[in-house]
PDB file of N, CA and C in Angstrom:
ATOM      1  N   MET A   1       9.822  -1.829 -14.400  1.00  0.00           N
ATOM      2  CA  MET A   1       8.655  -2.630 -14.141  1.00  0.00           C
ATOM      3  C   MET A   1       8.959  -4.076 -14.495  1.00  0.00           C
ATOM      4  N   LEU A   2       8.458  -5.002 -13.698  1.00  0.00           N
ATOM      5  CA  LEU A   2       8.661  -6.414 -13.968  1.00  0.00           C
ATOM      6  C   LEU A   2       7.999  -6.799 -15.264  1.00  0.00           C
ATOM      7  N   ASP A   3       8.669  -7.601 -16.057  1.00  0.00           N
ATOM      8  CA  ASP A   3       8.103  -8.051 -17.311  1.00  0.00           C
ATOM      9  C   ASP A   3       7.275  -9.300 -17.058  1.00  0.00           C
ATOM     10  N   VAL A   4       5.995  -9.097 -16.796  1.00  0.00           N
ATOM     11  CA  VAL A   4       5.095 -10.203 -16.459  1.00  0.00           C
ATOM     12  C   VAL A   4       4.927 -11.142 -17.643  1.00  0.00           C
ATOM     13  N   PHE A   5       4.963 -10.609 -18.854  1.00  0.00           N
ATOM     14  CA  PHE A   5       4.723 -11.422 -20.032  1.00  0.00           C
ATOM     15  C   PHE A   5       5.793 -12.488 -20.237  1.00  0.00           C
ATOM     16  N   LYS A   6       6.983 -12.250 -19.717  1.00  0.00           N
ATOM     17  CA  LYS A   6       8.018 -13.257 -19.922  1.00  0.00           C
ATOM     18  C   LYS A   6       7.757 -14.515 -19.090  1.00  0.00           C
ATOM     19  N   PHE A   7       6.930 -14.421 -18.065  1.00  0.00           N
ATOM     20  CA  PHE A   7       6.574 -15.609 -17.311  1.00  0.00           C
ATOM     21  C   PHE A   7       5.700 -16.542 -18.142  1.00  0.00           C
ATOM     22  N   PHE A   8       5.016 -16.004 -19.142  1.00  0.00           N
ATOM     23  CA  PHE A   8       4.123 -16.790 -19.970  1.00  0.00           C
ATOM     24  C   PHE A   8       4.735 -17.178 -21.310  1.00  0.00           C
ATOM     25  N   SER A   9       5.901 -16.682 -21.599  1.00  0.00           N
ATOM     26  CA  SER A   9       6.527 -16.991 -22.882  1.00  0.00           C
ATOM     27  C   SER A   9       7.210 -18.347 -22.815  1.00  0.00           C
ATOM     28  N   LYS A  10       7.471 -18.904 -23.986  1.00  0.00           N
ATOM     29  CA  LYS A  10       8.151 -20.201 -24.057  1.00  0.00           C
ATOM     30  C   LYS A  10       9.607 -20.067 -23.639  1.00  0.00           C
ATOM     31  N   ASP A  11      10.191 -18.915 -23.939  1.00  0.00           N
ATOM     32  CA  ASP A  11      11.578 -18.673 -23.583  1.00  0.00           C
ATOM     33  C   ASP A  11      11.623 -17.913 -22.258  1.00  0.00           C
ATOM     34  N   GLN A  12      11.734 -18.657 -21.170  1.00  0.00           N
ATOM     35  CA  GLN A  12      11.708 -18.020 -19.849  1.00  0.00           C
ATOM     36  C   GLN A  12      13.098 -17.634 -19.371  1.00  0.00           C
ATOM     37  N   GLY A  13      14.096 -17.842 -20.192  1.00  0.00           N
ATOM     38  CA  GLY A  13      15.440 -17.450 -19.799  1.00  0.00           C
ATOM     39  C   GLY A  13      16.076 -18.489 -18.896  1.00  0.00           C
ATOM     40  N   THR A  14      17.212 -18.118 -18.375  1.00  0.00           N
ATOM     41  CA  THR A  14      17.928 -19.045 -17.510  1.00  0.00           C
ATOM     42  C   THR A  14      17.282 -19.091 -16.139  1.00  0.00           C
ATOM     43  N   SER A  15      17.517 -20.173 -15.428  1.00  0.00           N
ATOM     44  CA  SER A  15      16.969 -20.246 -14.072  1.00  0.00           C
ATOM     45  C   SER A  15      17.554 -19.164 -13.191  1.00  0.00           C
ATOM     46  N   LYS A  16      18.745 -18.705 -13.526  1.00  0.00           N
ATOM     47  CA  LYS A  16      19.353 -17.604 -12.773  1.00  0.00           C
ATOM     48  C   LYS A  16      18.482 -16.354 -12.891  1.00  0.00           C
ATOM     49  N   ASN A  17      18.029 -16.034 -14.098  1.00  0.00           N
ATOM     50  CA  ASN A  17      17.200 -14.844 -14.305  1.00  0.00           C
ATOM     51  C   ASN A  17      15.834 -14.986 -13.651  1.00  0.00           C
ATOM     52  N   VAL A  18      15.255 -16.170 -13.732  1.00  0.00           N
ATOM     53  CA  VAL A  18      13.954 -16.413 -13.099  1.00  0.00           C
ATOM     54  C   VAL A  18      14.085 -16.248 -11.585  1.00  0.00           C
ATOM     55  N   ALA A  19      15.133 -16.826 -11.012  1.00  0.00           N
ATOM     56  CA  ALA A  19      15.367 -16.697  -9.569  1.00  0.00           C
ATOM     57  C   ALA A  19      15.592 -15.240  -9.180  1.00  0.00           C
ATOM     58  N   LYS A  20      16.285 -14.501 -10.024  1.00  0.00           N
ATOM     59  CA  LYS A  20      16.552 -13.083  -9.762  1.00  0.00           C
ATOM     60  C   LYS A  20      15.245 -12.291  -9.714  1.00  0.00           C
ATOM     61  N   GLU A  21      14.335 -12.538 -10.660  1.00  0.00           N
ATOM     62  CA  GLU A  21      13.042 -11.846 -10.676  1.00  0.00           C
ATOM     63  C   GLU A  21      12.209 -12.205  -9.443  1.00  0.00           C
ATOM     64  N   ARG A  22      12.216 -13.447  -9.051  1.00  0.00           N
ATOM     65  CA  ARG A  22      11.472 -13.860  -7.851  1.00  0.00           C
ATOM     66  C   ARG A  22      12.047 -13.201  -6.608  1.00  0.00           C
ATOM     67  N   LEU A  23      13.359 -13.120  -6.529  1.00  0.00           N
ATOM     68  CA  LEU A  23      14.001 -12.468  -5.386  1.00  0.00           C
ATOM     69  C   LEU A  23      13.622 -10.992  -5.324  1.00  0.00           C
ATOM     70  N   LYS A  24      13.529 -10.340  -6.480  1.00  0.00           N
ATOM     71  CA  LYS A  24      13.118  -8.934  -6.511  1.00  0.00           C
ATOM     72  C   LYS A  24      11.725  -8.767  -5.907  1.00  0.00           C
ATOM     73  N   LEU A  25      10.812  -9.679  -6.223  1.00  0.00           N
ATOM     74  CA  LEU A  25       9.465  -9.602  -5.658  1.00  0.00           C
ATOM     75  C   LEU A  25       9.478  -9.791  -4.144  1.00  0.00           C
ATOM     76  N   VAL A  26      10.288 -10.717  -3.670  1.00  0.00           N
ATOM     77  CA  VAL A  26      10.401 -10.945  -2.227  1.00  0.00           C
ATOM     78  C   VAL A  26      10.942  -9.695  -1.546  1.00  0.00           C
ATOM     79  N   LEU A  27      11.938  -9.063  -2.150  1.00  0.00           N
ATOM     80  CA  LEU A  27      12.512  -7.849  -1.571  1.00  0.00           C
ATOM     81  C   LEU A  27      11.504  -6.706  -1.533  1.00  0.00           C
ATOM     82  N   VAL A  28      10.665  -6.599  -2.557  1.00  0.00           N
ATOM     83  CA  VAL A  28       9.629  -5.558  -2.560  1.00  0.00           C
ATOM     84  C   VAL A  28       8.686  -5.779  -1.391  1.00  0.00           C
ATOM     85  N   HIS A  29       8.271  -7.026  -1.168  1.00  0.00           N
ATOM     86  CA  HIS A  29       7.397  -7.321  -0.027  1.00  0.00           C
ATOM     87  C   HIS A  29       8.066  -6.948   1.290  1.00  0.00           C
ATOM     88  N   ASP A  30       9.338  -7.295   1.430  1.00  0.00           N
ATOM     89  CA  ASP A  30      10.066  -6.975   2.659  1.00  0.00           C
ATOM     90  C   ASP A  30      10.192  -5.478   2.873  1.00  0.00           C
ATOM     91  N   ARG A  31      10.500  -4.743   1.821  1.00  0.00           N
ATOM     92  CA  ARG A  31      10.714  -3.299   1.946  1.00  0.00           C
ATOM     93  C   ARG A  31       9.430  -2.535   2.245  1.00  0.00           C
ATOM     94  N   THR A  32       8.299  -3.088   1.870  1.00  0.00           N
ATOM     95  CA  THR A  32       7.030  -2.416   2.146  1.00  0.00           C
ATOM     96  C   THR A  32       6.456  -2.845   3.491  1.00  0.00           C
ATOM     97  N   ASN A  33       7.174  -3.714   4.193  1.00  0.00           N
ATOM     98  CA  ASN A  33       6.693  -4.255   5.473  1.00  0.00           C
ATOM     99  C   ASN A  33       5.278  -4.816   5.336  1.00  0.00           C
ATOM    100  N   CYS A  34       5.044  -5.522   4.257  1.00  0.00           N
ATOM    101  CA  CYS A  34       3.734  -6.087   3.974  1.00  0.00           C
ATOM    102  C   CYS A  34       3.752  -7.574   4.300  1.00  0.00           C
ATOM    103  N   SER A  35       3.155  -7.925   5.413  1.00  0.00           N
ATOM    104  CA  SER A  35       3.090  -9.330   5.797  1.00  0.00           C
ATOM    105  C   SER A  35       1.999 -10.028   4.995  1.00  0.00           C
ATOM    106  N   PRO A  36       2.050 -11.347   4.908  1.00  0.00           N
ATOM    107  CA  PRO A  36       0.983 -12.082   4.225  1.00  0.00           C
ATOM    108  C   PRO A  36      -0.395 -11.804   4.841  1.00  0.00           C
ATOM    109  N   ASN A  37      -0.455 -11.638   6.159  1.00  0.00           N
ATOM    110  CA  ASN A  37      -1.734 -11.329   6.820  1.00  0.00           C
ATOM    111  C   ASN A  37      -2.269  -9.976   6.377  1.00  0.00           C
ATOM    112  N   PHE A  38      -1.387  -8.994   6.280  1.00  0.00           N
ATOM    113  CA  PHE A  38      -1.798  -7.662   5.845  1.00  0.00           C
ATOM    114  C   PHE A  38      -2.333  -7.705   4.414  1.00  0.00           C
ATOM    115  N   LEU A  39      -1.628  -8.411   3.543  1.00  0.00           N
ATOM    116  CA  LEU A  39      -2.063  -8.528   2.155  1.00  0.00           C
ATOM    117  C   LEU A  39      -3.414  -9.229   2.074  1.00  0.00           C
ATOM    118  N   GLU A  40      -3.654 -10.216   2.906  1.00  0.00           N
ATOM    119  CA  GLU A  40      -4.955 -10.903   2.942  1.00  0.00           C
ATOM    120  C   GLU A  40      -6.064  -9.961   3.421  1.00  0.00           C
ATOM    121  N   MET A  41      -5.749  -9.092   4.391  1.00  0.00           N
ATOM    122  CA  MET A  41      -6.747  -8.121   4.850  1.00  0.00           C
ATOM    123  C   MET A  41      -7.087  -7.141   3.734  1.00  0.00           C
ATOM    124  N   VAL A  42      -6.084  -6.657   3.019  1.00  0.00           N
ATOM    125  CA  VAL A  42      -6.313  -5.746   1.896  1.00  0.00           C
ATOM    126  C   VAL A  42      -7.156  -6.444   0.839  1.00  0.00           C
ATOM    127  N   LYS A  43      -6.810  -7.675   0.542  1.00  0.00           N
ATOM    128  CA  LYS A  43      -7.556  -8.465  -0.444  1.00  0.00           C
ATOM    129  C   LYS A  43      -9.022  -8.595  -0.027  1.00  0.00           C
ATOM    130  N   GLY A  44      -9.268  -8.905   1.236  1.00  0.00           N
ATOM    131  CA  GLY A  44     -10.641  -9.027   1.731  1.00  0.00           C
ATOM    132  C   GLY A  44     -11.410  -7.726   1.629  1.00  0.00           C
ATOM    133  N   ASP A  45     -10.764  -6.620   1.987  1.00  0.00           N
ATOM    134  CA  ASP A  45     -11.418  -5.314   1.897  1.00  0.00           C
ATOM    135  C   ASP A  45     -11.748  -4.956   0.451  1.00  0.00           C
ATOM    136  N   LEU A  46     -10.807  -5.206  -0.452  1.00  0.00           N
ATOM    137  CA  LEU A  46     -11.052  -4.931  -1.870  1.00  0.00           C
ATOM    138  C   LEU A  46     -12.230  -5.749  -2.392  1.00  0.00           C
ATOM    139  N   LEU A  47     -12.260  -7.026  -2.034  1.00  0.00           N
ATOM    140  CA  LEU A  47     -13.349  -7.895  -2.492  1.00  0.00           C
ATOM    141  C   LEU A  47     -14.694  -7.436  -1.949  1.00  0.00           C
ATOM    142  N   ASN A  48     -14.729  -6.985  -0.696  1.00  0.00           N
ATOM    143  CA  ASN A  48     -15.978  -6.490  -0.115  1.00  0.00           C
ATOM    144  C   ASN A  48     -16.503  -5.274  -0.860  1.00  0.00           C
ATOM    145  N   VAL A  49     -15.627  -4.352  -1.173  1.00  0.00           N
ATOM    146  CA  VAL A  49     -16.045  -3.135  -1.874  1.00  0.00           C
ATOM    147  C   VAL A  49     -16.465  -3.459  -3.304  1.00  0.00           C
ATOM    148  N   ILE A  50     -15.649  -4.217  -4.011  1.00  0.00           N
ATOM    149  CA  ILE A  50     -15.931  -4.535  -5.409  1.00  0.00           C
ATOM    150  C   ILE A  50     -17.198  -5.370  -5.551  1.00  0.00           C
ATOM    151  N   SER A  51     -17.455  -6.244  -4.598  1.00  0.00           N
ATOM    152  CA  SER A  51     -18.633  -7.115  -4.693  1.00  0.00           C
ATOM    153  C   SER A  51     -19.943  -6.330  -4.597  1.00  0.00           C
ATOM    154  N   ASP A  52     -19.908  -5.088  -4.132  1.00  0.00           N
ATOM    155  CA  ASP A  52     -21.102  -4.240  -4.151  1.00  0.00           C
ATOM    156  C   ASP A  52     -21.492  -3.851  -5.577  1.00  0.00           C
ATOM    157  N   TYR A  53     -20.525  -3.859  -6.487  1.00  0.00           N
ATOM    158  CA  TYR A  53     -20.735  -3.362  -7.840  1.00  0.00           C
ATOM    159  C   TYR A  53     -20.699  -4.446  -8.925  1.00  0.00           C
ATOM    160  N   MET A  54     -20.067  -5.567  -8.630  1.00  0.00           N
ATOM    161  CA  MET A  54     -19.941  -6.612  -9.643  1.00  0.00           C
ATOM    162  C   MET A  54     -19.740  -7.981  -9.011  1.00  0.00           C
ATOM    163  N   GLU A  55     -20.085  -9.009  -9.766  1.00  0.00           N
ATOM    164  CA  GLU A  55     -19.788 -10.377  -9.348  1.00  0.00           C
ATOM    165  C   GLU A  55     -18.419 -10.727  -9.906  1.00  0.00           C
ATOM    166  N   ILE A  56     -17.585 -11.293  -9.054  1.00  0.00           N
ATOM    167  CA  ILE A  56     -16.225 -11.604  -9.491  1.00  0.00           C
ATOM    168  C   ILE A  56     -15.975 -13.106  -9.407  1.00  0.00           C
ATOM    169  N   GLU A  57     -14.988 -13.543 -10.173  1.00  0.00           N
ATOM    170  CA  GLU A  57     -14.549 -14.935 -10.171  1.00  0.00           C
ATOM    171  C   GLU A  57     -13.345 -15.026  -9.240  1.00  0.00           C
ATOM    172  N   GLU A  58     -13.554 -15.562  -8.055  1.00  0.00           N
ATOM    173  CA  GLU A  58     -12.477 -15.575  -7.064  1.00  0.00           C
ATOM    174  C   GLU A  58     -11.356 -16.547  -7.400  1.00  0.00           C
ATOM    175  N   GLU A  59     -11.633 -17.556  -8.219  1.00  0.00           N
ATOM    176  CA  GLU A  59     -10.582 -18.518  -8.563  1.00  0.00           C
ATOM    177  C   GLU A  59      -9.441 -17.871  -9.349  1.00  0.00           C
ATOM    178  N   GLY A  60      -9.755 -16.899 -10.207  1.00  0.00           N
ATOM    179  CA  GLY A  60      -8.723 -16.254 -11.007  1.00  0.00           C
ATOM    180  C   GLY A  60      -8.155 -15.010 -10.361  1.00  0.00           C
ATOM    181  N   LEU A  61      -8.534 -14.736  -9.132  1.00  0.00           N
ATOM    182  CA  LEU A  61      -8.122 -13.531  -8.421  1.00  0.00           C
ATOM    183  C   LEU A  61      -6.620 -13.547  -8.141  1.00  0.00           C
ATOM    184  N   ASP A  62      -5.966 -12.431  -8.413  1.00  0.00           N
ATOM    185  CA  ASP A  62      -4.536 -12.315  -8.161  1.00  0.00           C
ATOM    186  C   ASP A  62      -4.246 -10.899  -7.683  1.00  0.00           C
ATOM    187  N   ILE A  63      -3.929 -10.775  -6.398  1.00  0.00           N
ATOM    188  CA  ILE A  63      -3.587  -9.477  -5.813  1.00  0.00           C
ATOM    189  C   ILE A  63      -2.210  -9.615  -5.188  1.00  0.00           C
ATOM    190  N   ARG A  64      -1.311  -8.723  -5.593  1.00  0.00           N
ATOM    191  CA  ARG A  64       0.066  -8.827  -5.091  1.00  0.00           C
ATOM    192  C   ARG A  64       0.717  -7.451  -5.038  1.00  0.00           C
ATOM    193  N   ILE A  65       1.810  -7.408  -4.326  1.00  0.00           N
ATOM    194  CA  ILE A  65       2.623  -6.198  -4.307  1.00  0.00           C
ATOM    195  C   ILE A  65       3.818  -6.461  -5.202  1.00  0.00           C
ATOM    196  N   THR A  66       4.059  -5.539  -6.108  1.00  0.00           N
ATOM    197  CA  THR A  66       5.160  -5.656  -7.047  1.00  0.00           C
ATOM    198  C   THR A  66       5.897  -4.322  -7.086  1.00  0.00           C
ATOM    199  N   LYS A  67       6.647  -4.071  -8.110  1.00  0.00           N
ATOM    200  CA  LYS A  67       7.345  -2.789  -8.199  1.00  0.00           C
ATOM    201  C   LYS A  67       7.043  -2.151  -9.544  1.00  0.00           C
ATOM    202  N   THR A  68       7.157  -0.850  -9.586  1.00  0.00           N
ATOM    203  CA  THR A  68       6.937  -0.091 -10.803  1.00  0.00           C
ATOM    204  C   THR A  68       7.898   1.089 -10.824  1.00  0.00           C
ATOM    205  N   LYS A  69       8.207   1.565 -12.024  1.00  0.00           N
ATOM    206  CA  LYS A  69       9.082   2.734 -12.164  1.00  0.00           C
ATOM    207  C   LYS A  69       8.227   3.963 -12.392  1.00  0.00           C
ATOM    208  N   LYS A  70       8.572   5.027 -11.708  1.00  0.00           N
ATOM    209  CA  LYS A  70       7.928   6.325 -11.911  1.00  0.00           C
ATOM    210  C   LYS A  70       8.643   7.053 -13.044  1.00  0.00           C
ATOM    211  N   ASP A  71       8.126   8.233 -13.397  1.00  0.00           N
ATOM    212  CA  ASP A  71       8.715   9.021 -14.484  1.00  0.00           C
ATOM    213  C   ASP A  71      10.182   9.357 -14.243  1.00  0.00           C
ATOM    214  N   ASN A  72      10.562   9.516 -12.997  1.00  0.00           N
ATOM    215  CA  ASN A  72      11.942   9.865 -12.675  1.00  0.00           C
ATOM    216  C   ASN A  72      12.826   8.630 -12.489  1.00  0.00           C
ATOM    217  N   ASN A  73      12.356   7.466 -12.979  1.00  0.00           N
ATOM    218  CA  ASN A  73      13.057   6.178 -12.891  1.00  0.00           C
ATOM    219  C   ASN A  73      13.216   5.663 -11.467  1.00  0.00           C
ATOM    220  N   LYS A  74      12.505   6.249 -10.548  1.00  0.00           N
ATOM    221  CA  LYS A  74      12.527   5.757  -9.177  1.00  0.00           C
ATOM    222  C   LYS A  74      11.609   4.538  -9.095  1.00  0.00           C
ATOM    223  N   VAL A  75      12.112   3.467  -8.501  1.00  0.00           N
ATOM    224  CA  VAL A  75      11.325   2.242  -8.355  1.00  0.00           C
ATOM    225  C   VAL A  75      10.508   2.344  -7.077  1.00  0.00           C
ATOM    226  N   MET A  76       9.210   2.066  -7.201  1.00  0.00           N
ATOM    227  CA  MET A  76       8.309   2.153  -6.054  1.00  0.00           C
ATOM    228  C   MET A  76       7.450   0.897  -5.979  1.00  0.00           C
ATOM    229  N   PRO A  77       7.008   0.539  -4.780  1.00  0.00           N
ATOM    230  CA  PRO A  77       6.080  -0.596  -4.682  1.00  0.00           C
ATOM    231  C   PRO A  77       4.727  -0.229  -5.281  1.00  0.00           C
ATOM    232  N   ALA A  78       4.039  -1.244  -5.802  1.00  0.00           N
ATOM    233  CA  ALA A  78       2.720  -1.034  -6.393  1.00  0.00           C
ATOM    234  C   ALA A  78       1.822  -2.214  -6.027  1.00  0.00           C
ATOM    235  N   LEU A  79       0.583  -1.921  -5.722  1.00  0.00           N
ATOM    236  CA  LEU A  79      -0.408  -2.964  -5.489  1.00  0.00           C
ATOM    237  C   LEU A  79      -1.062  -3.260  -6.827  1.00  0.00           C
ATOM    238  N   VAL A  80      -0.957  -4.500  -7.271  1.00  0.00           N
ATOM    239  CA  VAL A  80      -1.500  -4.905  -8.562  1.00  0.00           C
ATOM    240  C   VAL A  80      -2.608  -5.913  -8.308  1.00  0.00           C
ATOM    241  N   ALA A  81      -3.771  -5.662  -8.908  1.00  0.00           N
ATOM    242  CA  ALA A  81      -4.915  -6.558  -8.721  1.00  0.00           C
ATOM    243  C   ALA A  81      -5.462  -6.979 -10.073  1.00  0.00           C
ATOM    244  N   ASN A  82      -5.550  -8.283 -10.265  1.00  0.00           N
ATOM    245  CA  ASN A  82      -6.190  -8.850 -11.438  1.00  0.00           C
ATOM    246  C   ASN A  82      -7.444  -9.548 -10.915  1.00  0.00           C
ATOM    247  N   ILE A  83      -8.600  -8.953 -11.188  1.00  0.00           N
ATOM    248  CA  ILE A  83      -9.859  -9.438 -10.630  1.00  0.00           C
ATOM    249  C   ILE A  83     -10.820  -9.753 -11.772  1.00  0.00           C
ATOM    250  N   PRO A  84     -10.978 -11.035 -12.108  1.00  0.00           N
ATOM    251  CA  PRO A  84     -11.888 -11.402 -13.189  1.00  0.00           C
ATOM    252  C   PRO A  84     -13.342 -11.080 -12.818  1.00  0.00           C
ATOM    253  N   ILE A  85     -14.039 -10.415 -13.736  1.00  0.00           N
ATOM    254  CA  ILE A  85     -15.425  -9.997 -13.496  1.00  0.00           C
ATOM    255  C   ILE A  85     -16.382 -10.944 -14.210  1.00  0.00           C
ATOM    256  N   LYS A  86     -17.324 -11.519 -13.446  1.00  0.00           N
ATOM    257  CA  LYS A  86     -18.362 -12.350 -14.057  1.00  0.00           C
ATOM    258  C   LYS A  86     -19.400 -11.470 -14.727  1.00  0.00           C
ATOM    259  N   LYS A  87     -19.935 -10.511 -13.958  1.00  0.00           N
ATOM    260  CA  LYS A  87     -20.911  -9.557 -14.518  1.00  0.00           C
ATOM    261  C   LYS A  87     -21.062  -8.376 -13.588  1.00  0.00           C
ATOM    262  N   MET A  88     -21.528  -7.282 -14.173  1.00  0.00           N
ATOM    263  CA  MET A  88     -21.792  -6.061 -13.410  1.00  0.00           C
ATOM    264  C   MET A  88     -23.158  -6.175 -12.754  1.00  0.00           C
ATOM    265  N   LYS A  89     -23.286  -5.604 -11.566  1.00  0.00           N
ATOM    266  CA  LYS A  89     -24.556  -5.577 -10.868  1.00  0.00           C
ATOM    267  C   LYS A  89     -25.318  -4.294 -11.226  1.00  0.00           C
ATOM    268  N   ASN A  90     -26.611  -4.406 -11.325  1.00  0.00           N
ATOM    269  CA  ASN A  90     -27.443  -3.219 -11.582  1.00  0.00           C
ATOM    270  C   ASN A  90     -27.660  -2.490 -10.269  1.00  0.00           C
ATOM    271  N   ARG A  91     -27.460  -1.208 -10.270  1.00  0.00           N
ATOM    272  CA  ARG A  91     -27.646  -0.414  -9.054  1.00  0.00           C
ATOM    273  C   ARG A  91     -28.688   0.613  -9.286  1.00  0.00           C
TER     274      ARG A  91
END
């Protein structure tokens, strides 16, 4: 799994390592045949469904395809969504 926390640390490593991690993300997108348009459609659909249940802060919204390791150490693509919630709606 990508170490997201290292992007926020003071010690980000060498530019070689940073470039390597970015390249891995690009390759995951390519291997999943996920175009930017497709990802935008998924993002729109997710927002439509979630907005029925809660108010969200769209400025902090982050939806991306990344990679994750399964129990058998097989690397697989994963859809990761960070959706800041303003408040829950009463239903």
